[in-house]
Amino acid sequence: MDLNLTQEDIAFREEVRQFVATALPQDIKDKVFKHQRLDNNDYIRWHRALDDHGWGAPSWPVEFGGTGWNALQKLIFEIESFKGGAPRLLPFGLSMIGPVLMKYASPEMQQRFLPRMLRIEDWWCQGYSEPGSGSDLASLKTRAEKTPEGYVVNGQKTWTTLGQYADWMFCLVRTDPDAKPQRGISMLLIDMRQPGVTVRPIKTLDGGHDVNEVWLENVKVPYENLVGNENEGWTYAKYLLGHERTGIAGIGLCYRELQILKNLAAEVQWNGKPANQDVRMKDQISLIEADILSLEMMLLRVAADSTQGPGPQASVLKIRGSEIQQDLARLQLEVMGLNSWPYSPSWLEAGEDVFGPGHPFAAAASANYFDMRKTTIYGGTTEVQKSIIAKQILDV
């Protein structure tokens, strides 16, 4: 596999850089580089700017409205857009339920939902985890019972990211309580705006509200909102999780956080000298940069060789990507030192002039460190990923 960029690849990279520099609103860029909170309109504006340019779905095939880019082009786009200060593309539609619908849904369901994902005309969320059924997803208890008009769903979902904004949820439910755990699960598309759906916030360590618990009480779901076949939801869930875990590797995010780390280390003084002149810090920055390069090479190999969708390699990427993101957050915190100790969630709101003492990034370093503790948990814990690798690659 030749990993050198061709002249066409270099030209494409420059095109992406120029587009991000001109099309990304400055206020969004400022929030991203300061680790300030983004709201739903920030994400929507960026998605629609991309769609206006024909880049609304970088990972989708052309026949579904995507770019049809190859693996290298998608990687270049991710890295350059993150480096330029763009927020992540919301994965719930484009990278999670979208690919599932393309592969398993009826043409009618595809036509109904896929076009609206490009401009976030529908905001999606994921209904997988439950209290007591997170890593052991097959033990989920949310029930969907049949009636003449459709399913009636009762249960609770938790850790529902950005569910407070969602119009729709793709949800795993138990439709056959007597079957083996993985065989009695179906995937339903649930309208979040109907009676019986209650979204309650979960406050995280950084004081933010990104995740929620969702209560489903006698929620009605028409049969036409069943994805694929009844009791085959586990197959669709595994396919979706492969795409999610590959995305969690976050190579573009890693490169952006590395650049923030380098900038901080050049600015922040340790004993009268920039932190990047400290031998230990210099070594740690060099080591993590090598880790990121290794992650990029691994991602390229998986993307180029994958013909059946993400496999157990996605678990390897998920582990390494999430660990690197945590290491980057830790090093940013170490560079800031004592300045990062005082912290108030209000300092992360756009328009705030107070960021804490010492450096304008001080509070953000603490918040980012807190927030990154979750990366080795969501999308399947590191321990679960290691079990997948052992079973599917090592055959143990």
Protein backbone atom coordinates (compact mmCIF):
# COMPACT_ATOMS: atom_id res chain seq x y z
CA MET A 1 0.00 0.00 0.00
CA ASP A 2 1.54 3.32 -1.14
CA LEU A 3 0.97 5.95 1.55
CA ASN A 4 2.60 8.82 -0.35
CA LEU A 5 0.28 11.59 -1.51
CA THR A 6 -0.09 12.08 -5.25
CA GLN A 7 -0.31 15.51 -6.84
CA GLU A 8 -4.08 15.02 -7.02
CA ASP A 9 -4.19 14.23 -3.28
CA ILE A 10 -2.13 17.31 -2.47
CA ALA A 11 -4.44 19.47 -4.61
CA PHE A 12 -7.47 17.98 -2.83
CA ARG A 13 -5.91 18.69 0.56
CA GLU A 14 -5.38 22.31 -0.43
CA GLU A 15 -8.99 22.52 -1.66
CA VAL A 16 -10.25 21.29 1.72
CA ARG A 17 -8.01 23.74 3.59
CA GLN A 18 -9.24 26.67 1.52
CA PHE A 19 -12.86 25.67 1.88
CA VAL A 20 -12.65 25.33 5.67
CA ALA A 21 -10.80 28.66 5.93
CA THR A 22 -13.50 30.51 4.00
CA ALA A 23 -16.74 28.63 4.76
CA LEU A 24 -16.38 27.88 8.47
CA PRO A 25 -17.91 30.75 10.51
CA GLN A 26 -15.31 32.46 12.69
CA ASP A 27 -17.41 32.26 15.85
CA ILE A 28 -17.59 28.47 15.55
CA LYS A 29 -13.86 28.26 14.92
CA ASP A 30 -13.16 30.40 18.01
CA LYS A 31 -15.32 28.16 20.20
CA VAL A 32 -13.64 25.01 18.93
CA PHE A 33 -10.07 26.20 19.54
CA LYS A 34 -10.99 27.48 23.00
CA HIS A 35 -12.82 24.24 23.88
CA GLN A 36 -15.97 26.25 24.49
CA ARG A 37 -19.41 24.72 24.28
CA LEU A 38 -21.11 24.37 20.90
CA ASP A 39 -24.87 24.55 20.58
CA ASN A 40 -27.09 22.75 18.07
CA ASN A 41 -27.13 25.71 15.67
CA ASP A 42 -23.33 25.65 15.43
CA TYR A 43 -23.43 22.08 14.19
CA ILE A 44 -26.32 22.76 11.82
CA ARG A 45 -24.63 25.79 10.25
CA TRP A 46 -21.48 23.80 9.50
CA HIS A 47 -23.39 20.83 8.08
CA ARG A 48 -25.38 23.10 5.79
CA ALA A 49 -22.28 24.94 4.61
CA LEU A 50 -20.84 21.57 3.63
CA ASP A 51 -24.04 20.47 1.92
CA ASP A 52 -24.20 23.72 -0.06
CA HIS A 53 -20.73 22.81 -1.36
CA GLY A 54 -21.74 19.24 -2.22
CA TRP A 55 -19.82 17.77 0.72
CA GLY A 56 -22.74 17.05 3.05
CA ALA A 57 -21.93 13.34 3.38
CA PRO A 58 -18.17 12.76 2.96
CA SER A 59 -18.41 9.02 3.68
CA TRP A 60 -21.51 8.21 1.61
CA PRO A 61 -21.65 6.81 -1.92
CA VAL A 62 -22.82 9.12 -4.70
CA GLU A 63 -26.10 7.28 -5.22
CA PHE A 64 -27.25 8.33 -1.75
CA GLY A 65 -26.16 11.95 -2.10
CA GLY A 66 -22.60 11.52 -0.85
CA THR A 67 -19.26 12.56 -2.24
CA GLY A 68 -18.09 9.12 -3.31
CA TRP A 69 -14.63 9.93 -1.94
CA ASN A 70 -12.09 7.17 -1.51
CA ALA A 71 -10.60 6.28 1.87
CA LEU A 72 -7.66 8.64 1.52
CA GLN A 73 -9.84 11.59 0.52
CA LYS A 74 -12.11 11.01 3.51
CA LEU A 75 -9.08 10.89 5.78
CA ILE A 76 -7.65 14.09 4.29
CA PHE A 77 -11.00 15.82 4.72
CA GLU A 78 -11.27 14.76 8.37
CA ILE A 79 -7.74 15.84 9.26
CA GLU A 80 -7.84 19.19 7.46
CA SER A 81 -11.32 20.16 8.64
CA PHE A 82 -10.39 19.44 12.26
CA LYS A 83 -7.09 21.29 11.91
CA GLY A 84 -9.02 24.25 10.54
CA GLY A 85 -11.25 24.42 13.61
CA ALA A 86 -14.37 22.68 12.31
CA PRO A 87 -16.60 20.83 14.75
CA ARG A 88 -17.04 17.13 14.22
CA LEU A 89 -19.72 16.06 11.82
CA LEU A 90 -22.62 14.73 13.85
CA PRO A 91 -22.14 10.96 13.62
CA PHE A 92 -25.61 9.78 14.58
CA GLY A 93 -27.10 10.22 11.13
CA LEU A 94 -24.15 10.31 8.74
CA SER A 95 -21.90 7.66 10.29
CA MET A 96 -24.22 5.47 12.34
CA ILE A 97 -27.85 4.98 11.32
CA GLY A 98 -27.22 6.26 7.78
CA PRO A 99 -24.94 3.35 6.76
CA VAL A 100 -27.34 0.89 8.43
CA LEU A 101 -30.27 2.20 6.38
CA MET A 102 -28.22 2.05 3.18
CA LYS A 103 -27.40 -1.60 3.80
CA TYR A 104 -30.53 -3.01 5.44
CA ALA A 105 -33.54 -0.69 5.04
CA SER A 106 -36.21 -0.73 2.37
CA PRO A 107 -35.97 1.76 -0.51
CA GLU A 108 -38.98 3.57 0.93
CA MET A 109 -37.29 4.02 4.31
CA GLN A 110 -34.06 5.12 2.64
CA GLN A 111 -35.86 7.76 0.61
CA ARG A 112 -37.79 8.95 3.63
CA PHE A 113 -34.85 9.49 5.98
CA LEU A 114 -31.48 9.63 4.21
CA PRO A 115 -31.84 12.89 2.22
CA ARG A 116 -32.85 14.79 5.37
CA MET A 117 -29.63 13.78 7.15
CA LEU A 118 -27.46 15.83 4.80
CA ARG A 119 -28.63 19.19 6.16
CA ILE A 120 -29.64 18.00 9.62
CA GLU A 121 -33.29 18.52 8.82
CA ASP A 122 -33.70 15.68 11.31
CA TRP A 123 -31.42 15.48 14.34
CA TRP A 124 -30.75 11.87 15.35
CA CYS A 125 -29.72 10.26 18.61
CA GLN A 126 -28.81 6.73 19.65
CA GLY A 127 -30.97 4.57 21.91
CA TYR A 128 -28.68 1.69 22.86
CA SER A 129 -27.41 1.84 26.45
CA GLU A 130 -29.71 1.31 29.42
CA PRO A 131 -29.17 1.34 33.18
CA GLY A 132 -27.48 -2.04 33.67
CA SER A 133 -27.16 -2.67 29.92
CA GLY A 134 -24.26 -0.67 28.63
CA SER A 135 -21.28 -2.82 27.77
CA ASP A 136 -23.55 -5.89 27.99
CA LEU A 137 -25.91 -4.48 25.39
CA ALA A 138 -27.63 -7.83 24.70
CA SER A 139 -29.20 -7.65 28.17
CA LEU A 140 -31.32 -4.60 27.28
CA LYS A 141 -34.85 -4.58 28.71
CA THR A 142 -36.74 -1.92 26.75
CA ARG A 143 -39.78 -3.75 25.37
CA ALA A 144 -41.75 -3.30 22.16
CA GLU A 145 -45.10 -5.05 22.15
CA LYS A 146 -47.22 -5.57 19.05
CA THR A 147 -50.66 -4.04 18.64
CA PRO A 148 -52.88 -3.80 15.54
CA GLU A 149 -51.56 -0.27 14.88
CA GLY A 150 -47.87 -0.93 15.52
CA TYR A 151 -45.44 -1.34 18.42
CA VAL A 152 -45.84 0.13 21.89
CA VAL A 153 -42.46 0.78 23.51
CA ASN A 154 -41.70 0.99 27.22
CA GLY A 155 -38.29 1.33 28.83
CA GLN A 156 -35.38 3.62 29.55
CA LYS A 157 -32.26 4.59 27.61
CA THR A 158 -29.27 6.39 29.07
CA TRP A 159 -26.10 8.23 28.00
CA THR A 160 -28.06 9.49 25.00
CA THR A 161 -25.66 12.03 23.49
CA LEU A 162 -27.30 15.34 22.47
CA GLY A 163 -30.70 13.73 22.85
CA GLN A 164 -32.08 17.07 24.05
CA TYR A 165 -31.94 18.27 20.43
CA ALA A 166 -33.09 15.07 18.74
CA ASP A 167 -36.06 14.66 16.41
CA TRP A 168 -35.51 10.92 15.95
CA MET A 169 -33.90 8.05 17.82
CA PHE A 170 -32.66 4.77 16.38
CA CYS A 171 -33.47 2.44 19.21
CA LEU A 172 -32.79 -1.18 20.13
CA VAL A 173 -35.78 -2.87 21.72
CA ARG A 174 -36.69 -6.38 22.78
CA THR A 175 -39.43 -7.81 20.58
CA ASP A 176 -39.12 -11.49 21.60
CA PRO A 177 -38.51 -11.90 25.35
CA ASP A 178 -38.34 -15.69 25.04
CA ALA A 179 -35.51 -15.77 22.49
CA LYS A 180 -31.80 -15.85 23.30
CA PRO A 181 -30.62 -12.34 24.26
CA GLN A 182 -29.13 -11.39 20.88
CA ARG A 183 -31.92 -13.01 18.84
CA GLY A 184 -34.91 -11.19 20.28
CA ILE A 185 -33.80 -7.61 19.54
CA SER A 186 -35.16 -5.28 16.84
CA MET A 187 -34.21 -1.78 15.71
CA LEU A 188 -36.93 0.87 15.59
CA LEU A 189 -36.90 4.50 14.48
CA ILE A 190 -38.73 6.52 17.14
CA ASP A 191 -40.13 10.02 16.78
CA MET A 192 -38.78 11.91 19.81
CA ARG A 193 -41.42 14.65 19.58
CA GLN A 194 -44.41 12.46 20.44
CA PRO A 195 -46.14 11.95 23.81
CA GLY A 196 -44.49 9.46 26.12
CA VAL A 197 -40.89 10.49 25.35
CA THR A 198 -39.16 12.29 28.23
CA VAL A 199 -35.57 13.53 28.03
CA ARG A 200 -33.74 14.32 31.26
CA PRO A 201 -30.22 15.80 31.41
CA ILE A 202 -27.18 14.09 32.91
CA LYS A 203 -24.55 16.57 34.04
CA THR A 204 -21.00 15.44 33.33
CA LEU A 205 -17.72 16.13 35.15
CA ASP A 206 -17.05 19.31 33.18
CA GLY A 207 -20.46 20.70 34.18
CA GLY A 208 -21.83 20.24 30.67
CA HIS A 209 -25.00 18.67 29.33
CA ASP A 210 -24.08 16.45 26.41
CA VAL A 211 -25.75 13.25 27.58
CA ASN A 212 -29.24 12.38 28.76
CA GLU A 213 -31.53 9.68 30.02
CA VAL A 214 -34.61 9.04 27.91
CA TRP A 215 -37.83 7.54 29.25
CA LEU A 216 -40.19 5.78 26.85
CA GLU A 217 -43.69 5.31 28.25
CA ASN A 218 -46.28 3.71 25.95
CA VAL A 219 -44.57 5.25 22.93
CA LYS A 220 -46.25 4.31 19.66
CA VAL A 221 -44.10 3.24 16.71
CA PRO A 222 -45.71 2.25 13.39
CA TYR A 223 -44.56 -1.00 11.80
CA GLU A 224 -43.10 0.96 8.89
CA ASN A 225 -40.45 2.31 11.30
CA LEU A 226 -38.94 -1.14 11.82
CA VAL A 227 -35.46 -1.32 10.28
CA GLY A 228 -35.02 -4.49 8.25
CA ASN A 229 -36.55 -7.58 9.83
CA GLU A 230 -37.96 -8.12 13.27
CA ASN A 231 -35.60 -9.80 15.78
CA GLU A 232 -32.54 -9.12 13.59
CA GLY A 233 -31.60 -5.85 15.27
CA TRP A 234 -28.45 -7.33 16.78
CA THR A 235 -27.00 -7.76 13.29
CA TYR A 236 -27.71 -4.11 12.49
CA ALA A 237 -26.39 -2.99 15.87
CA LYS A 238 -23.03 -4.72 15.33
CA TYR A 239 -22.71 -3.17 11.88
CA LEU A 240 -23.46 0.28 13.31
CA LEU A 241 -21.03 -0.13 16.21
CA GLY A 242 -18.24 -0.96 13.79
CA HIS A 243 -18.74 2.40 12.08
CA GLU A 244 -19.03 4.19 15.44
CA ARG A 245 -15.82 2.68 16.81
CA THR A 246 -13.84 3.54 13.69
CA GLY A 247 -15.08 7.13 14.05
CA ILE A 248 -14.14 7.27 17.73
CA ALA A 249 -10.50 6.85 16.65
CA GLY A 250 -10.80 10.57 15.89
CA ILE A 251 -7.61 11.04 13.89
CA GLY A 252 -8.56 14.59 12.90
CA LEU A 253 -9.33 15.48 16.50
CA CYS A 254 -6.00 14.01 17.59
CA TYR A 255 -4.09 16.18 15.13
CA ARG A 256 -5.95 19.31 16.25
CA GLU A 257 -5.38 18.60 19.93
CA LEU A 258 -1.72 17.93 19.20
CA GLN A 259 -1.42 21.36 17.60
CA ILE A 260 -3.15 22.97 20.59
CA LEU A 261 -0.73 21.12 22.87
CA LYS A 262 2.29 22.35 20.90
CA ASN A 263 1.01 25.92 20.92
CA LEU A 264 0.43 25.83 24.67
CA ALA A 265 3.86 24.32 25.33
CA ALA A 266 5.44 27.15 23.34
CA GLU A 267 3.47 29.85 25.20
CA VAL A 268 3.28 28.69 28.81
CA GLN A 269 6.31 29.44 30.96
CA TRP A 270 7.89 26.85 33.24
CA ASN A 271 10.50 28.46 35.50
CA GLY A 272 11.00 31.31 33.08
CA LYS A 273 11.25 29.12 29.96
CA PRO A 274 8.63 27.77 27.52
CA ALA A 275 7.31 24.39 28.63
CA ASN A 276 8.42 22.81 25.36
CA GLN A 277 12.05 23.36 26.37
CA ASP A 278 11.63 20.97 29.27
CA VAL A 279 13.22 17.66 28.24
CA ARG A 280 10.49 15.50 29.73
CA MET A 281 7.67 17.47 28.11
CA LYS A 282 9.51 17.53 24.79
CA ASP A 283 9.83 13.74 24.93
CA GLN A 284 6.15 13.26 25.75
CA ILE A 285 5.05 15.48 22.88
CA SER A 286 7.31 13.59 20.47
CA LEU A 287 6.03 10.23 21.67
CA ILE A 288 2.37 11.15 21.31
CA GLU A 289 2.99 12.58 17.85
CA ALA A 290 4.47 9.22 16.87
CA ASP A 291 1.38 7.50 18.32
CA ILE A 292 -0.87 9.70 16.18
CA LEU A 293 1.13 8.93 13.02
CA SER A 294 0.84 5.23 13.83
CA LEU A 295 -2.92 5.58 14.34
CA GLU A 296 -3.23 7.31 10.97
CA MET A 297 -1.36 4.50 9.21
CA MET A 298 -3.55 1.90 10.90
CA LEU A 299 -6.69 3.79 9.92
CA LEU A 300 -5.54 3.99 6.32
CA ARG A 301 -4.88 0.25 6.19
CA VAL A 302 -8.29 -0.61 7.64
CA ALA A 303 -10.11 1.80 5.34
CA ALA A 304 -8.26 0.59 2.24
CA ASP A 305 -8.63 -3.12 2.97
CA SER A 306 -12.20 -3.17 4.25
CA THR A 307 -14.67 -4.70 1.79
CA GLN A 308 -17.30 -5.98 4.21
CA GLY A 309 -17.54 -2.98 6.49
CA PRO A 310 -15.68 -2.47 9.79
CA GLY A 311 -14.57 -5.65 11.55
CA PRO A 312 -12.60 -6.30 14.76
CA GLN A 313 -9.97 -3.85 13.51
CA ALA A 314 -12.45 -1.14 14.48
CA SER A 315 -11.94 -2.21 18.10
CA VAL A 316 -8.18 -1.73 17.77
CA LEU A 317 -8.74 1.76 16.36
CA LYS A 318 -11.24 2.59 19.07
CA ILE A 319 -8.84 1.59 21.84
CA ARG A 320 -5.84 3.47 20.48
CA GLY A 321 -7.77 6.54 19.42
CA SER A 322 -9.53 6.96 22.76
CA GLU A 323 -6.29 6.42 24.70
CA ILE A 324 -4.43 9.00 22.59
CA GLN A 325 -7.23 11.54 23.10
CA GLN A 326 -6.95 11.04 26.85
CA ASP A 327 -3.17 11.40 26.73
CA LEU A 328 -3.45 14.65 24.76
CA ALA A 329 -5.89 16.06 27.31
CA ARG A 330 -3.59 15.01 30.15
CA LEU A 331 -0.57 16.67 28.57
CA GLN A 332 -2.48 19.90 27.95
CA LEU A 333 -3.43 19.87 31.63
CA GLU A 334 0.18 19.23 32.66
CA VAL A 335 1.43 22.14 30.53
CA MET A 336 -1.08 24.48 32.17
CA GLY A 337 -0.06 23.27 35.63
CA LEU A 338 -1.50 25.12 38.64
CA ASN A 339 -3.28 27.60 36.36
CA SER A 340 -5.79 24.91 35.40
CA TRP A 341 -6.91 24.16 38.95
CA PRO A 342 -9.57 26.90 39.38
CA TYR A 343 -12.56 25.94 37.28
CA SER A 344 -16.10 27.08 36.62
CA PRO A 345 -18.37 25.64 33.90
CA SER A 346 -19.47 29.19 33.02
CA TRP A 347 -15.96 29.92 31.73
CA LEU A 348 -16.65 27.60 28.79
CA GLU A 349 -19.65 29.54 27.54
CA ALA A 350 -19.15 31.69 24.46
CA GLY A 351 -19.00 35.39 25.26
CA GLU A 352 -17.52 34.90 28.71
CA ASP A 353 -14.51 37.12 29.33
CA VAL A 354 -13.38 35.30 32.45
CA PHE A 355 -11.34 32.15 31.88
CA GLY A 356 -9.59 31.82 35.19
CA PRO A 357 -6.13 33.03 36.19
CA GLY A 358 -2.90 32.68 34.30
CA HIS A 359 -3.91 31.80 30.74
CA PRO A 360 -7.14 31.95 28.70
CA PHE A 361 -6.96 28.19 28.09
CA ALA A 362 -6.67 27.25 31.77
CA ALA A 363 -10.30 26.40 32.47
CA ALA A 364 -10.69 24.67 29.10
CA ALA A 365 -7.75 22.39 29.87
CA SER A 366 -9.47 21.15 33.03
CA ALA A 367 -12.82 20.72 31.34
CA ASN A 368 -11.31 18.89 28.39
CA TYR A 369 -9.40 16.56 30.70
CA PHE A 370 -12.60 15.73 32.58
CA ASP A 371 -14.55 15.22 29.37
CA MET A 372 -11.97 12.91 27.78
CA ARG A 373 -12.23 10.41 30.62
CA LYS A 374 -15.31 9.04 28.87
CA THR A 375 -13.60 8.05 25.61
CA THR A 376 -12.48 4.65 26.88
CA ILE A 377 -16.06 3.92 28.00
CA TYR A 378 -18.52 5.04 25.32
CA GLY A 379 -18.89 3.02 22.14
CA GLY A 380 -17.97 -0.05 24.20
CA THR A 381 -15.39 0.00 26.98
CA THR A 382 -11.75 -0.81 26.35
CA GLU A 383 -12.25 -4.12 28.15
CA VAL A 384 -15.09 -5.04 25.79
CA GLN A 385 -12.97 -4.11 22.76
CA LYS A 386 -10.14 -6.34 23.98
CA SER A 387 -12.57 -9.23 24.32
CA ILE A 388 -13.73 -8.67 20.73
CA ILE A 389 -10.12 -8.66 19.51
CA ALA A 390 -9.35 -11.85 21.44
CA LYS A 391 -12.37 -13.69 20.05
CA GLN A 392 -12.29 -12.52 16.44
CA ILE A 393 -8.58 -12.03 15.71
CA LEU A 394 -6.74 -14.23 18.21
CA ASP A 395 -9.51 -16.89 18.20
CA VAL A 396 -9.41 -17.41 21.95
